[in-house]
């Protein structure tokens, strides 16, 4: 039995509370495709390779974290955008994207999910304000958590060893998480009592800050840190609508 495209879109928009966010691009439907949905593709970024995989897998709908349209992009349809849209049109695939709402969600958000996977108790989504809304999460260790064990678990989850600046305690008590390009929130995490901080990317000042403040910094890669949220949406849609889901993996080391 097919699900209805517009019912899925409305459900996700409500579930992720997209109306609360002033994002860097539109959330929800970005490109309309066929009205009946049997198979949903999930991806981190709306690029041509992700679209190719979605077309090969004959998905009816594709949901990504990083969408096709951003405030900083040119308004004209150039060669890159034309090729991307052409592929979606040829396969009649609907494209949905959820950026900050998926980072910040208290159940399926990237940041909360990482705390859950690593065994930390979520204190709240109160870190890393982006355009007026906090998107990052802080977690407390319910038992003795060794830094090397945390790093090993991150490696198992992503398949890639993260970059680690181990300048803090070997026993992790409070972990702050802002996935993706959240390295700029390290100072805020320290001010909130975090001895360890997990994100996707590293900046030039990061090592010095971590060393001087005596904290641990972990960068798992922007892509690798943000696979977890869209995959969780797939599990949610399976339960709610009975659709089949697949992950369109386009590995990226940064």
Foldseek 3Di string as FASTA:
>chain_A
DWDFPVVLQVVVCVLLVQVVDPDQDDFTWDFAFDGTFFEEEEEAAQADLLLVVCLVVLGQEYEYAHYDDGNPDDPDCDPRNVNSVVSCVVSRYIYGYHHLSQLARCPLHLQNVLCVQLQFAWPHQDFDDDRHRRRKTKTFHPDFDFPVVSQVSLCVQQVDRWDKQQQADRTFGMEIEREAPRLVRPVVCVVVPGQEYEYADHDPCNNVVCNVSRHMYIHQHRRSSPPRRRVVVQVVCCVVPVHHYDYSDDDDRD
